[in-house]
Amino acid sequence: AKEAALKKAAIDAKIQAELAAKAQSEKQIKYTVQSGDSLWKIAKKLNIKRSAIAKVLDKNEQEIKNPNKLYVGQQIIVQKK
């Protein structure tokens, strides 16, 4: 009985982790940089707080080497509210 309870707890934990990951991914979008875009303009377009720009930079540290230089066609991950 104890083994069954442990197995059920492990399955429940896995399900909860998968649900949390799905909820998190649904809050993220992939945005393609357009001509004239800056991080500030993207934040305004997508209605995200300017304070969230730091999170955009964290999520895209490989993609955005310099936050002042975005390139047309560049794809970045943006966290929605």
Protein backbone atom coordinates (compact mmCIF):
# COMPACT_ATOMS: atom_id res chain seq x y z
CA ALA A 1 0.00 0.00 0.00
CA LYS A 2 2.86 2.34 0.84
CA GLU A 3 4.49 1.65 -2.54
CA ALA A 4 1.22 2.38 -4.36
CA ALA A 5 0.83 5.65 -2.46
CA LEU A 6 4.38 6.69 -3.38
CA LYS A 7 3.79 5.79 -7.02
CA LYS A 8 0.55 7.82 -7.06
CA ALA A 9 2.33 10.79 -5.45
CA ALA A 10 5.08 10.62 -8.08
CA ILE A 11 2.52 10.52 -10.90
CA ASP A 12 0.59 13.43 -9.37
CA ALA A 13 3.79 15.47 -9.07
CA LYS A 14 4.67 14.76 -12.71
CA ILE A 15 1.19 15.81 -13.87
CA GLN A 16 1.39 19.04 -11.83
CA ALA A 17 4.81 19.83 -13.30
CA GLU A 18 3.53 19.25 -16.85
CA LEU A 19 0.49 21.46 -16.24
CA ALA A 20 2.68 24.23 -14.82
CA ALA A 21 5.03 24.02 -17.81
CA LYS A 22 2.09 24.18 -20.23
CA ALA A 23 0.61 27.21 -18.47
CA GLN A 24 4.00 28.92 -18.59
CA SER A 25 4.48 28.22 -22.31
CA GLU A 26 1.00 29.55 -23.09
CA LYS A 27 2.09 32.87 -21.61
CA GLN A 28 5.02 33.08 -24.01
CA ILE A 29 4.94 34.15 -27.61
CA LYS A 30 7.59 34.20 -30.29
CA TYR A 31 7.80 37.67 -31.80
CA THR A 32 9.52 38.44 -35.09
CA VAL A 33 11.30 41.79 -35.07
CA GLN A 34 10.07 44.22 -37.71
CA SER A 35 11.65 47.30 -39.24
CA GLY A 36 11.81 50.14 -36.72
CA ASP A 37 11.28 47.89 -33.68
CA SER A 38 13.03 48.40 -30.38
CA LEU A 39 12.44 46.52 -27.15
CA TRP A 40 10.37 49.47 -25.93
CA LYS A 41 8.23 49.52 -29.07
CA ILE A 42 7.71 45.76 -28.91
CA ALA A 43 6.61 46.06 -25.27
CA LYS A 44 4.12 48.76 -26.24
CA LYS A 45 2.82 46.76 -29.25
CA LEU A 46 2.29 43.65 -27.16
CA ASN A 47 0.93 45.56 -24.18
CA ILE A 48 3.54 44.32 -21.75
CA LYS A 49 5.04 46.39 -18.98
CA ARG A 50 8.29 48.11 -19.77
CA SER A 51 9.63 46.64 -16.54
CA ALA A 52 9.26 43.23 -18.19
CA ILE A 53 11.97 44.10 -20.72
CA ALA A 54 14.58 42.64 -18.34
CA LYS A 55 12.74 39.31 -18.55
CA VAL A 56 12.76 39.52 -22.35
CA LEU A 57 16.51 39.99 -22.24
CA ASP A 58 16.93 37.07 -19.81
CA LYS A 59 14.86 34.72 -21.99
CA ASN A 60 16.76 35.76 -25.11
CA GLU A 61 20.32 36.08 -23.88
CA GLN A 62 21.60 33.98 -26.80
CA GLU A 63 19.53 35.86 -29.37
CA ILE A 64 19.94 39.45 -28.16
CA LYS A 65 23.62 40.27 -27.71
CA ASN A 66 23.01 44.02 -27.57
CA PRO A 67 19.55 45.29 -26.50
CA ASN A 68 20.08 48.41 -28.62
CA LYS A 69 20.55 46.37 -31.81
CA LEU A 70 17.63 44.27 -32.96
CA TYR A 71 17.53 42.90 -36.48
CA VAL A 72 14.56 42.57 -38.83
CA GLY A 73 13.48 38.93 -38.87
CA GLN A 74 15.08 38.19 -35.51
CA GLN A 75 12.80 36.05 -33.35
CA ILE A 76 12.55 36.61 -29.63
CA ILE A 77 10.51 35.04 -26.84
CA VAL A 78 8.23 37.48 -25.04
CA GLN A 79 6.43 36.71 -21.79
CA LYS A 80 2.81 37.86 -21.84
CA LYS A 81 1.01 38.95 -18.66
